[in-house]
Protein backbone atom coordinates (compact mmCIF):
# COMPACT_ATOMS: atom_id res chain seq x y z
CA MET A 1 121.49 57.87 -1.97
CA PRO A 2 124.98 55.97 -1.56
CA MET A 3 127.79 58.19 -3.04
CA SER A 4 131.46 58.22 -2.91
CA SER A 5 134.27 60.74 -1.83
CA ALA A 6 138.40 61.06 -1.48
CA LEU A 7 139.46 62.10 1.54
CA ARG A 8 142.17 65.04 -0.05
CA ARG A 9 145.14 66.93 1.35
CA THR A 10 144.55 70.42 2.00
CA GLY A 11 147.67 72.09 3.59
CA ASN A 12 148.53 69.86 6.69
CA SER A 13 145.18 68.49 7.03
CA VAL A 14 142.79 66.01 5.24
CA SER A 15 139.59 67.11 3.67
CA LEU A 16 136.55 65.22 2.43
CA ILE A 17 134.45 66.71 -0.06
CA VAL A 18 130.55 65.75 0.45
CA PRO A 19 128.77 66.09 -2.92
CA ARG A 20 126.31 69.13 -3.10
CA PRO A 21 123.57 66.28 -2.94
CA LEU A 22 124.07 64.69 -0.07
CA LEU A 23 124.86 68.60 1.71
CA ALA A 24 121.19 69.26 0.74
CA GLU A 25 119.27 66.24 1.74
CA LEU A 26 121.86 66.83 5.76
CA GLY A 27 120.78 70.83 5.09
CA ALA A 28 124.09 71.86 5.35
CA GLY A 29 126.22 74.04 3.60
CA SER A 30 129.63 76.01 3.62
CA GLY A 31 130.52 77.09 6.91
CA THR A 32 127.91 74.64 8.83
CA ARG A 33 129.32 73.39 12.02
CA LEU A 34 128.76 69.46 12.13
CA ASP A 35 129.06 67.17 15.32
CA LEU A 36 131.45 64.21 14.11
CA SER A 37 131.36 60.80 15.35
CA ILE A 38 131.97 57.22 14.91
CA VAL A 39 129.13 54.83 14.73
CA ASP A 40 129.60 50.87 13.99
CA GLY A 41 132.52 51.91 12.16
CA ALA A 42 131.04 54.80 9.89
CA LEU A 43 131.57 58.35 9.88
CA VAL A 44 128.34 60.14 11.11
CA ALA A 45 128.21 63.87 10.67
CA ARG A 46 125.29 65.86 12.26
CA PRO A 47 124.61 69.50 12.05
CA ILE A 48 124.96 71.07 15.26
CA ALA A 49 121.49 73.49 15.62
CA GLN A 50 122.16 76.85 16.29
CA PRO A 51 119.49 78.56 18.80
CA HIS A 52 116.90 80.71 16.99
CA ARG A 53 117.86 84.30 16.90
CA SER A 54 121.65 83.36 17.45
CA GLY A 55 123.38 86.36 17.06
CA TRP A 56 120.48 89.12 16.80
CA SER A 57 121.86 90.78 20.52
CA ALA A 58 125.54 91.16 19.15
CA ALA A 59 124.06 92.55 15.97
CA ALA A 60 121.62 95.00 17.85
CA ALA A 61 124.71 96.14 19.77
CA GLU A 62 126.45 96.82 16.81
CA VAL A 63 123.74 98.93 15.05
CA ALA A 64 123.01 100.73 18.23
CA THR A 65 126.79 102.08 18.12
CA ASP A 66 126.84 102.88 14.65
CA GLY A 67 124.15 105.63 14.43
CA SER A 68 122.37 103.68 11.66
CA SER A 69 119.47 103.44 14.27
CA ASP A 70 118.66 107.21 13.91
CA GLU A 71 118.18 107.35 10.13
CA TRP A 72 114.68 106.31 9.94
CA LEU A 73 114.08 109.69 12.24
CA ASP A 74 114.68 111.85 9.54
CA VAL A 75 112.78 110.35 6.92
CA PRO A 76 109.65 112.48 5.71
CA LEU A 77 106.52 110.30 6.02
CA GLU A 78 103.55 110.61 3.55
CA GLY A 79 100.48 111.29 5.05
CA ASP A 80 101.27 112.72 8.55
CA GLU A 81 99.58 115.96 7.58
CA ALA A 82 96.62 114.19 7.85
CA LEU A 83 97.10 112.99 11.16
CA THR A 84 95.82 114.52 14.34
CA TRP A 85 97.03 113.86 17.67
């Protein structure tokens, strides 16, 4: 699906606006990190694969320190009275 776009000045940098259909085909969007290279005179952009569960450790540490992980202890559970231990 050939498309064209123009380079645009953005502050002290230059931006390339990528049409949405190409982003969808690439599986990329705003914030996606790309590996850029030149192959046979063409700019090639490949999404940088993020490891599965990337960031989970930091998120778990944050939950552990903000106290929200204990909220479930105060929730009454329906049917508890029917349980025998």
